[in-house]
Protein backbone atom coordinates (compact mmCIF):
# COMPACT_ATOMS: atom_id res chain seq x y z
CA MET A 1 -40.97 0.18 -9.24
CA HIS A 2 -43.84 -0.95 -7.03
CA LEU A 3 -45.21 1.86 -4.86
CA SER A 4 -46.88 1.14 -1.54
CA ALA A 5 -50.15 2.87 -0.72
CA ASP A 6 -48.35 5.02 1.86
CA ARG A 7 -45.69 6.00 -0.66
CA ARG A 8 -48.31 6.89 -3.30
CA ARG A 9 -50.13 9.07 -0.76
CA PHE A 10 -46.85 10.75 0.18
CA LEU A 11 -45.97 11.54 -3.43
CA THR A 12 -49.46 12.85 -4.12
CA ALA A 13 -49.30 15.09 -1.05
CA THR A 14 -45.85 16.42 -1.84
CA SER A 15 -46.77 17.07 -5.45
CA SER A 16 -49.68 19.24 -4.36
CA ALA A 17 -47.80 20.95 -1.54
CA PHE A 18 -44.88 22.01 -3.70
CA ALA A 19 -46.56 22.75 -7.02
CA ALA A 20 -47.07 26.40 -6.14
CA LEU A 21 -43.51 26.76 -4.89
CA VAL A 22 -42.05 25.29 -8.06
CA ALA A 23 -44.26 27.46 -10.24
CA SER A 24 -43.28 30.59 -8.32
CA GLY A 25 -39.56 29.99 -8.76
CA CYS A 26 -38.95 29.61 -5.02
CA THR A 27 -37.00 26.39 -5.45
CA THR A 28 -33.23 26.03 -5.54
CA ARG A 29 -31.74 27.62 -8.64
CA GLY A 30 -29.13 26.05 -10.82
CA ALA A 31 -29.06 23.00 -13.01
CA MET A 32 -25.95 21.05 -13.92
CA PRO A 33 -26.86 18.98 -16.97
CA LEU A 34 -24.13 17.59 -19.19
CA VAL A 35 -24.96 19.92 -22.08
CA ASP A 36 -23.33 22.85 -23.85
CA ALA A 37 -23.05 24.96 -20.68
CA SER A 38 -19.32 24.28 -20.30
CA ARG A 39 -18.28 24.05 -23.94
CA ASN A 40 -15.96 26.85 -24.95
CA PHE A 41 -15.64 27.89 -21.28
CA ASP A 42 -12.02 28.11 -20.27
CA GLY A 43 -12.27 29.80 -16.90
CA TYR A 44 -12.65 33.47 -16.00
CA GLY A 45 -8.94 34.22 -16.35
CA ALA A 46 -5.96 34.50 -14.03
CA LEU A 47 -6.76 35.85 -10.57
CA VAL A 48 -5.89 39.50 -9.98
CA PRO A 49 -4.17 40.26 -6.64
CA ASP A 50 -6.49 42.18 -4.32
CA PRO A 51 -4.99 45.56 -3.30
CA ALA A 52 -6.75 45.14 0.05
CA GLY A 53 -5.10 41.76 0.53
CA MET A 54 -8.29 39.81 1.20
CA LEU A 55 -9.72 38.07 -1.87
CA ASP A 56 -8.16 37.68 -5.33
CA LEU A 57 -10.72 37.47 -8.14
CA PRO A 58 -10.68 37.21 -11.95
CA PRO A 59 -10.75 40.34 -14.13
CA GLY A 60 -14.09 42.13 -14.03
CA PHE A 61 -15.09 40.67 -10.65
CA SER A 62 -15.27 42.63 -7.42
CA TYR A 63 -16.40 42.13 -3.84
CA ARG A 64 -17.66 44.20 -0.97
CA VAL A 65 -17.64 43.41 2.75
CA LEU A 66 -21.17 43.32 4.16
CA SER A 67 -20.52 42.24 7.74
CA SER A 68 -17.45 41.75 9.96
CA LEU A 69 -16.58 40.27 13.34
CA GLY A 70 -17.40 42.71 16.13
CA GLY A 71 -19.64 44.94 14.03
CA ALA A 72 -22.68 46.37 15.77
CA MET A 73 -25.97 44.54 15.21
CA ASP A 74 -29.48 45.90 15.57
CA ASP A 75 -30.31 43.72 18.58
CA GLY A 76 -27.56 45.29 20.70
CA GLY A 77 -25.05 42.50 20.15
CA THR A 78 -22.01 42.32 17.90
CA VAL A 79 -21.28 40.05 14.94
CA PRO A 80 -19.92 36.75 16.30
CA ASP A 81 -17.04 34.74 14.86
CA LYS A 82 -16.74 31.49 12.89
CA ALA A 83 -19.18 32.25 10.09
CA ASP A 84 -19.89 29.04 8.20
CA GLY A 85 -22.82 27.76 6.11
CA MET A 86 -25.31 30.32 4.77
CA GLY A 87 -28.44 30.61 2.64
CA CYS A 88 -30.02 33.47 0.70
CA PHE A 89 -33.76 34.20 0.46
CA ASP A 90 -36.10 36.69 -1.19
CA ILE A 91 -38.31 37.87 1.69
CA GLY A 92 -40.33 40.41 -0.27
CA ASN A 93 -40.63 44.18 0.07
CA GLY A 94 -37.47 44.63 -1.98
CA GLU A 95 -35.36 42.72 0.56
CA ILE A 96 -33.26 39.59 0.61
CA ALA A 97 -32.03 37.82 3.72
CA LEU A 98 -28.83 35.93 4.45
CA VAL A 99 -29.16 33.42 7.29
CA ARG A 100 -25.63 32.67 8.46
CA ASN A 101 -24.32 29.89 10.72
CA HIS A 102 -21.76 30.45 13.46
CA GLU A 103 -19.80 27.35 14.42
CA LEU A 104 -19.30 28.39 18.03
CA VAL A 105 -18.51 26.17 21.02
CA PRO A 106 -19.30 26.87 24.69
CA THR A 107 -16.02 28.71 25.30
CA ASP A 108 -16.51 31.13 22.37
CA ASP A 109 -17.81 34.69 22.61
CA ALA A 110 -21.49 34.97 21.68
CA GLY A 111 -21.28 38.65 20.81
CA GLY A 112 -23.74 39.56 23.53
CA VAL A 113 -26.24 38.09 26.00
CA PHE A 114 -29.05 35.97 24.58
CA ALA A 115 -32.65 36.58 25.59
CA LYS A 116 -33.43 32.94 24.85
CA GLY A 117 -31.85 29.86 23.33
CA TYR A 118 -31.88 26.08 23.17
CA GLY A 119 -29.17 25.00 25.61
CA MET A 120 -27.13 26.33 28.52
CA ALA A 121 -23.70 25.57 29.94
CA ALA A 122 -22.99 25.26 33.64
CA GLY A 123 -26.57 26.37 34.25
CA GLN A 124 -25.39 29.95 33.79
CA PHE A 125 -25.30 31.12 30.18
CA ILE A 126 -26.99 30.27 26.91
CA LEU A 127 -24.62 28.58 24.50
CA PRO A 128 -23.17 30.91 21.85
CA GLY A 129 -23.77 28.78 18.73
CA GLY A 130 -26.57 29.52 16.29
CA THR A 131 -27.36 31.84 13.43
CA THR A 132 -27.41 35.51 12.53
CA THR A 133 -29.61 37.07 9.85
CA LEU A 134 -28.60 39.91 7.54
CA VAL A 135 -31.40 41.73 5.70
CA LEU A 136 -30.20 43.48 2.53
CA ASP A 137 -31.71 45.87 0.05
CA LYS A 138 -32.40 43.69 -2.98
CA ASP A 139 -31.01 46.20 -5.47
CA THR A 140 -28.15 47.93 -3.67
CA LEU A 141 -27.15 45.09 -1.27
CA ALA A 142 -26.96 47.66 1.53
CA VAL A 143 -27.36 46.03 4.95
CA LYS A 144 -30.66 47.25 6.40
CA ARG A 145 -30.47 45.25 9.65
CA GLN A 146 -28.68 42.28 11.19
CA PHE A 147 -29.41 40.32 14.35
CA ARG A 148 -29.13 36.96 16.08
CA SER A 149 -31.86 34.57 14.92
CA LEU A 150 -30.98 31.34 16.82
CA GLY A 151 -29.03 30.79 20.03
CA GLY A 152 -28.12 28.03 22.44
CA THR A 153 -26.62 25.51 20.01
CA ILE A 154 -23.13 24.12 19.38
CA ARG A 155 -21.01 24.14 16.21
CA ASN A 156 -23.60 25.17 13.63
CA CYS A 157 -21.55 24.14 10.64
CA ALA A 158 -23.57 23.87 7.44
CA GLY A 159 -27.22 23.37 6.57
CA GLY A 160 -29.48 24.11 3.65
CA THR A 161 -32.34 26.21 2.35
CA THR A 162 -35.93 24.99 2.06
CA PRO A 163 -38.41 25.81 -0.72
CA TRP A 164 -40.76 27.27 1.89
CA GLY A 165 -38.34 29.98 2.97
CA SER A 166 -36.32 28.71 5.93
CA TRP A 167 -32.75 27.71 6.74
CA LEU A 168 -31.96 24.28 8.18
CA THR A 169 -29.01 24.83 10.50
CA CYS A 170 -27.14 21.71 11.62
CA GLU A 171 -25.13 20.98 14.75
CA GLU A 172 -21.81 19.30 14.02
CA PHE A 173 -21.54 18.09 17.58
CA VAL A 174 -22.76 15.01 19.40
CA SER A 175 -22.22 14.48 23.10
CA GLU A 176 -24.13 13.63 26.23
CA PRO A 177 -24.57 16.51 28.70
CA GLN A 178 -22.61 14.70 31.40
CA HIS A 179 -19.60 14.28 29.10
CA ILE A 180 -18.86 18.01 28.85
CA ALA A 181 -16.61 19.49 31.55
CA PRO A 182 -16.26 21.96 33.07
CA ASP A 183 -19.15 23.56 31.14
CA LYS A 184 -21.87 21.01 31.89
CA LEU A 185 -24.66 21.10 29.32
CA ASN A 186 -28.33 20.93 30.18
CA MET A 187 -29.45 19.52 26.82
CA HIS A 188 -28.47 16.88 24.29
CA HIS A 189 -27.00 18.22 21.06
CA GLY A 190 -26.55 16.95 17.53
CA TRP A 191 -29.77 18.21 15.94
CA VAL A 192 -31.17 20.15 13.01
CA PHE A 193 -33.02 23.41 13.74
CA GLU A 194 -35.21 25.40 11.35
CA VAL A 195 -34.85 29.19 11.12
CA PRO A 196 -37.47 31.11 9.07
CA ALA A 197 -35.80 33.63 6.75
CA ARG A 198 -38.42 36.21 7.73
CA ALA A 199 -37.74 35.86 11.46
CA GLY A 200 -37.19 39.31 12.98
CA GLY A 201 -35.11 38.15 15.93
CA LEU A 202 -34.37 35.12 18.07
CA ILE A 203 -36.71 32.24 17.33
CA ASP A 204 -38.01 29.71 19.84
CA PRO A 205 -35.57 26.85 19.16
CA LEU A 206 -37.03 23.43 18.39
CA PRO A 207 -34.70 20.49 17.69
CA LEU A 208 -36.01 18.35 14.82
CA LYS A 209 -35.25 15.09 16.55
CA ALA A 210 -36.87 12.81 14.00
CA MET A 211 -34.21 13.97 11.52
CA GLY A 212 -31.61 12.14 13.59
CA ARG A 213 -28.92 12.88 16.11
CA PHE A 214 -25.48 12.66 14.54
CA ASN A 215 -22.50 14.81 13.54
CA HIS A 216 -24.59 16.84 11.11
CA GLU A 217 -23.07 18.83 8.28
CA ALA A 218 -25.34 19.91 5.40
CA ALA A 219 -28.91 19.41 4.23
CA CYS A 220 -30.93 20.03 1.10
CA VAL A 221 -34.57 19.63 0.16
CA ASP A 222 -35.88 18.15 -3.07
CA PRO A 223 -38.56 20.69 -4.01
CA ALA A 224 -40.50 18.08 -5.99
CA THR A 225 -41.00 15.72 -3.05
CA GLY A 226 -40.09 17.51 0.18
CA LEU A 227 -37.52 14.83 1.02
CA VAL A 228 -34.52 16.15 2.94
CA TYR A 229 -31.02 14.78 2.23
CA MET A 230 -28.29 15.15 4.86
CA THR A 231 -24.55 14.63 5.18
CA GLU A 232 -22.42 13.69 8.19
CA ASP A 233 -18.85 14.83 8.86
CA ARG A 234 -17.21 11.56 9.87
CA PRO A 235 -14.47 9.54 8.12
CA ASP A 236 -16.99 6.67 7.90
CA SER A 237 -20.19 8.63 7.40
CA ALA A 238 -23.51 7.63 5.87
CA LEU A 239 -25.73 9.59 3.50
CA TYR A 240 -29.17 10.17 4.97
CA ARG A 241 -32.60 11.18 3.79
CA PHE A 242 -35.65 12.20 5.79
CA LEU A 243 -39.21 11.48 4.66
CA PRO A 244 -41.45 14.00 6.46
CA ASP A 245 -44.91 12.88 7.53
CA SER A 246 -46.20 16.24 6.33
CA PRO A 247 -44.19 17.84 3.49
CA GLY A 248 -42.97 21.31 4.45
CA ARG A 249 -43.67 20.68 8.16
CA LEU A 250 -40.53 18.98 9.40
CA ALA A 251 -41.46 19.37 13.05
CA ALA A 252 -44.38 16.99 12.47
CA GLY A 253 -41.94 14.07 12.31
CA GLY A 254 -41.07 11.50 9.71
CA LYS A 255 -38.77 8.63 8.83
CA LEU A 256 -34.96 8.69 8.69
CA GLN A 257 -33.15 6.45 6.19
CA ALA A 258 -29.60 5.72 5.00
CA MET A 259 -28.41 5.08 1.45
CA VAL A 260 -27.37 1.66 0.18
CA LEU A 261 -25.65 1.29 -3.22
CA GLU A 262 -25.98 -1.85 -5.28
CA GLY A 263 -22.52 -3.09 -6.16
CA ILE A 264 -20.42 -0.87 -3.91
CA ALA A 265 -20.25 -0.54 -0.13
CA ASP A 266 -17.44 2.00 0.23
CA THR A 267 -17.24 5.15 -1.93
CA ARG A 268 -13.92 6.39 -0.54
CA ASN A 269 -11.80 4.89 -3.36
CA SER A 270 -8.95 3.89 -1.09
CA VAL A 271 -8.08 1.55 -3.96
CA ALA A 272 -7.75 3.56 -7.16
CA GLY A 273 -10.68 3.04 -9.51
CA ALA A 274 -12.79 1.08 -7.06
CA MET A 275 -15.63 3.50 -7.88
CA PRO A 276 -15.14 4.73 -11.45
CA LEU A 277 -16.12 8.25 -12.51
CA ARG A 278 -19.58 8.74 -13.99
CA GLN A 279 -20.70 5.16 -13.43
CA ALA A 280 -24.23 5.21 -12.03
CA TYR A 281 -25.15 2.87 -9.19
CA LYS A 282 -28.68 2.05 -8.15
CA ALA A 283 -29.41 3.56 -4.73
CA ARG A 284 -31.98 2.34 -2.28
CA TRP A 285 -32.76 3.42 1.26
CA ILE A 286 -32.99 1.51 4.52
CA ASP A 287 -35.01 2.61 7.54
CA LEU A 288 -33.12 3.53 10.70
CA ASP A 289 -34.48 3.09 14.20
CA ASN A 290 -33.52 4.75 17.47
CA VAL A 291 -32.63 7.87 15.47
CA GLU A 292 -31.98 10.00 18.57
CA ALA A 293 -28.94 7.74 18.96
CA PRO A 294 -27.46 8.47 22.39
CA GLU A 295 -24.50 6.28 21.44
CA ASP A 296 -23.76 8.32 18.26
CA ASP A 297 -23.84 5.11 16.26
CA LEU A 298 -26.32 5.78 13.47
CA ARG A 299 -23.66 5.54 10.76
CA MET A 300 -22.31 2.28 12.21
CA ARG A 301 -25.75 0.71 12.31
CA ALA A 302 -26.38 1.91 8.76
CA ALA A 303 -23.11 0.33 7.56
CA ALA A 304 -24.00 -2.93 9.31
CA GLN A 305 -27.15 -3.01 7.16
CA GLY A 306 -25.20 -2.34 3.97
CA GLY A 307 -25.20 1.45 4.05
CA ALA A 308 -22.67 3.07 1.72
CA ILE A 309 -19.66 4.62 3.49
CA ILE A 310 -18.56 8.15 2.56
CA ALA A 311 -15.41 9.95 3.71
CA ARG A 312 -16.54 13.05 5.57
CA GLY A 313 -19.73 14.05 3.80
CA GLU A 314 -19.86 17.86 3.92
CA GLY A 315 -21.31 20.34 1.42
CA MET A 316 -24.59 19.46 -0.28
CA HIS A 317 -26.72 21.40 -2.77
CA MET A 318 -29.74 20.77 -4.96
CA GLY A 319 -29.44 21.46 -8.67
CA ASP A 320 -32.15 20.74 -11.23
CA GLY A 321 -33.37 17.34 -10.12
CA GLU A 322 -30.00 16.24 -8.77
CA VAL A 323 -28.15 16.53 -5.47
CA TYR A 324 -24.40 17.23 -5.31
CA VAL A 325 -22.50 15.93 -2.29
CA CYS A 326 -18.95 16.86 -1.31
CA SER A 327 -16.66 14.37 0.43
CA THR A 328 -13.86 16.40 1.98
CA SER A 329 -11.16 13.74 2.23
CA GLY A 330 -12.38 10.98 -0.11
CA GLY A 331 -10.61 9.62 -3.16
CA PHE A 332 -7.40 7.74 -3.80
CA ALA A 333 -5.33 10.93 -3.34
CA LYS A 334 -7.54 11.96 -0.40
CA PHE A 335 -8.04 15.51 -1.75
CA GLY A 336 -11.81 15.08 -1.98
CA GLN A 337 -14.69 13.88 -4.13
CA ILE A 338 -18.02 15.16 -5.42
CA PHE A 339 -20.94 12.80 -5.88
CA ARG A 340 -24.19 13.25 -7.78
CA LEU A 341 -27.46 11.73 -6.59
CA VAL A 342 -30.40 11.72 -9.02
CA PRO A 343 -33.60 10.98 -7.07
CA GLY A 344 -36.09 8.79 -8.93
CA ARG A 345 -39.00 10.58 -7.20
CA GLY A 346 -41.06 7.39 -7.13
CA VAL A 347 -40.99 7.00 -10.91
CA ARG A 348 -37.60 5.33 -11.38
CA ASP A 349 -34.70 4.11 -9.25
CA ASP A 350 -32.48 6.60 -7.50
CA ARG A 351 -29.02 6.79 -9.10
CA PHE A 352 -25.72 7.73 -7.45
CA GLU A 353 -22.37 8.37 -9.12
CA LEU A 354 -18.90 9.72 -8.51
CA PHE A 355 -19.04 12.99 -10.46
CA PHE A 356 -15.54 14.34 -9.70
CA GLU A 357 -12.46 13.16 -7.80
CA SER A 358 -9.58 15.51 -7.14
CA GLU A 359 -6.27 13.98 -8.17
CA ASN A 360 -4.07 16.78 -6.85
CA ALA A 361 -4.19 19.91 -4.70
CA ALA A 362 -4.49 22.15 -7.75
CA GLN A 363 -7.87 20.64 -8.72
CA PHE A 364 -9.21 21.14 -5.24
CA ASN A 365 -7.82 20.53 -1.82
CA TYR A 366 -10.36 19.43 0.78
CA GLY A 367 -13.67 20.73 -0.59
CA ASP A 368 -16.27 21.66 2.00
CA ASN A 369 -19.37 23.78 1.29
CA LEU A 370 -20.53 23.79 -2.32
CA VAL A 371 -23.21 25.48 -4.41
CA VAL A 372 -24.63 24.95 -7.89
CA ALA A 373 -24.41 28.32 -9.65
CA PRO A 374 -27.33 29.52 -11.79
CA ASN A 375 -25.22 28.90 -14.91
CA GLY A 376 -24.69 25.23 -14.00
CA HIS A 377 -21.15 25.45 -12.62
CA LEU A 378 -20.33 23.92 -9.26
CA ILE A 379 -18.50 26.22 -6.85
CA VAL A 380 -16.60 24.52 -4.04
CA CYS A 381 -15.20 26.16 -0.90
CA GLU A 382 -11.82 24.74 0.10
CA ASP A 383 -11.01 24.00 3.74
CA GLN A 384 -7.42 22.78 3.90
CA TYR A 385 -5.93 21.05 6.93
CA THR A 386 -2.37 22.31 6.97
CA ASP A 387 -0.44 24.65 9.25
CA VAL A 388 -0.49 27.29 6.50
CA VAL A 389 -3.59 27.28 4.29
CA ASP A 390 -4.13 28.59 0.78
CA ASN A 391 -7.87 28.24 0.34
CA HIS A 392 -9.73 28.95 -2.89
CA LEU A 393 -13.16 28.92 -4.40
CA LYS A 394 -12.90 26.22 -7.07
CA LEU A 395 -15.19 26.12 -10.08
CA ILE A 396 -16.06 22.69 -11.51
CA THR A 397 -17.66 22.61 -14.95
CA PRO A 398 -20.34 20.09 -15.97
CA ASP A 399 -17.72 18.19 -17.97
CA GLY A 400 -15.48 17.87 -14.91
CA ARG A 401 -12.80 20.55 -15.33
CA SER A 402 -11.52 22.62 -12.40
CA PHE A 403 -10.68 26.34 -12.37
CA ASP A 404 -9.74 28.91 -9.73
CA LEU A 405 -12.58 31.34 -9.06
CA ALA A 406 -11.11 33.11 -6.03
CA ARG A 407 -8.20 32.92 -3.60
CA LEU A 408 -8.53 33.95 0.04
CA ASN A 409 -5.52 35.79 1.45
CA MET A 410 -6.48 35.06 5.05
CA GLN A 411 -5.46 32.10 7.18
CA THR A 412 -8.96 30.67 7.32
CA GLU A 413 -11.50 28.91 5.11
CA LEU A 414 -14.19 30.14 2.74
CA ALA A 415 -17.68 28.91 3.57
CA GLY A 416 -21.36 29.39 2.94
CA ALA A 417 -21.28 30.20 -0.79
CA CYS A 418 -24.78 30.98 -2.08
CA PHE A 419 -26.37 33.12 -4.79
CA SER A 420 -28.89 35.93 -4.74
CA PRO A 421 -32.32 34.94 -6.07
CA ASP A 422 -31.60 36.72 -9.38
CA GLY A 423 -28.22 34.97 -9.75
CA SER A 424 -26.24 38.20 -10.08
CA THR A 425 -24.37 38.06 -6.75
CA MET A 426 -22.59 35.32 -4.89
CA PHE A 427 -22.29 35.64 -1.13
CA VAL A 428 -19.56 33.85 0.83
CA ASN A 429 -18.04 33.93 4.30
CA ALA A 430 -14.47 34.07 5.50
CA TYR A 431 -14.73 31.84 8.55
CA ALA A 432 -12.57 33.59 11.17
CA PRO A 433 -12.41 36.44 11.73
CA THR A 434 -15.94 36.62 10.33
CA ARG A 435 -16.29 38.43 7.04
CA THR A 436 -19.37 38.14 4.82
CA LEU A 437 -18.69 39.16 1.24
CA ALA A 438 -20.81 39.89 -1.83
CA ILE A 439 -19.11 39.04 -5.15
CA THR A 440 -20.33 40.39 -8.47
CA GLY A 441 -18.92 40.07 -11.96
CA PRO A 442 -19.45 38.84 -15.52
CA TRP A 443 -20.78 35.39 -14.64
CA ALA A 444 -20.71 33.17 -17.73
CA ALA A 445 -24.14 32.59 -19.21
């Protein structure tokens, strides 16, 4: 591949900027190579009914509730509802931090009055959406403090961790201020915001406008290059990447692009077999202009230039040199898909493939957030769209088999699955009413 002078400089800069982070182990954990990791693995066993009626788990696994809706926080507020995407960080001094999204809209309860925030409604109150941070004892998982860390946003759905210790929280909401009634907004929305894991309270909110204005869902950073990949929750979404001008400093600006696949324009498999499993397609990227997109048409302009169409891109997570992307409603049966993107990192072509497609509700039913576990398994949070839901955590092995890992006995979704830095504990949210859980057990090596 021919590299331009600008691209060579970018790769040289990113290599230097991230070398220390990679060496220190501060990058995303969890590889998913097609090796022996899944051989002889036949699941963790049948789920055991929870006596408390919340979360069924396999034998030997247990959970504890760390935080609940309405619980007192250290900033004088209470834990808000609609807990969604979440990331876990080692912040030193024997502490880890969970930065947790809350997918709140202007009519929701904020859990208290904000001292500051990004946007207001009706010129009267700061919008309730944003993030909370839980600081835990690294060894005991006891909650040491919890507080609001971002306010004034709308529908903070998913996001992603960065190698430099921050959470990218994404607004799944795009509308002009004048289009909202009766709660008129004073700001445009549809942005990514960055929340440092070590923040001790509400941050000064800064929308990262160069990363695009669209119906954001998740994000992940390639620790080797600093490129940020992003999904969009639309039936006809694009897959995006952001090339920062200064790796690790997203606020300094950069270039937004959309993915084009050679040989296939639509990944949704509305015709069975249109995109076969495990067939790699060459991926290239096209530049997008007018990325602040007041018309909310970035995905349409991308498709007009050949951009690949994805059915509701949602969860996204970085494994070892590969990005996993969840399509909630894609596939011939419309139960969902998982894609794998292998970035070429300037050395070879990027490759994109359909890694898994659910053929029935038992495999998984509307996957949303996902995480690559330290042992190489994919864990997918279900988010079903039925009057009565039966949502699970689904485990997908590297060879493409599906198992039940947990079953939620609440009429809501599971979200925000992430692992502690040492890989011993998985954290996950019950969306509403908010519950944040820590799950431990005999994770397969």
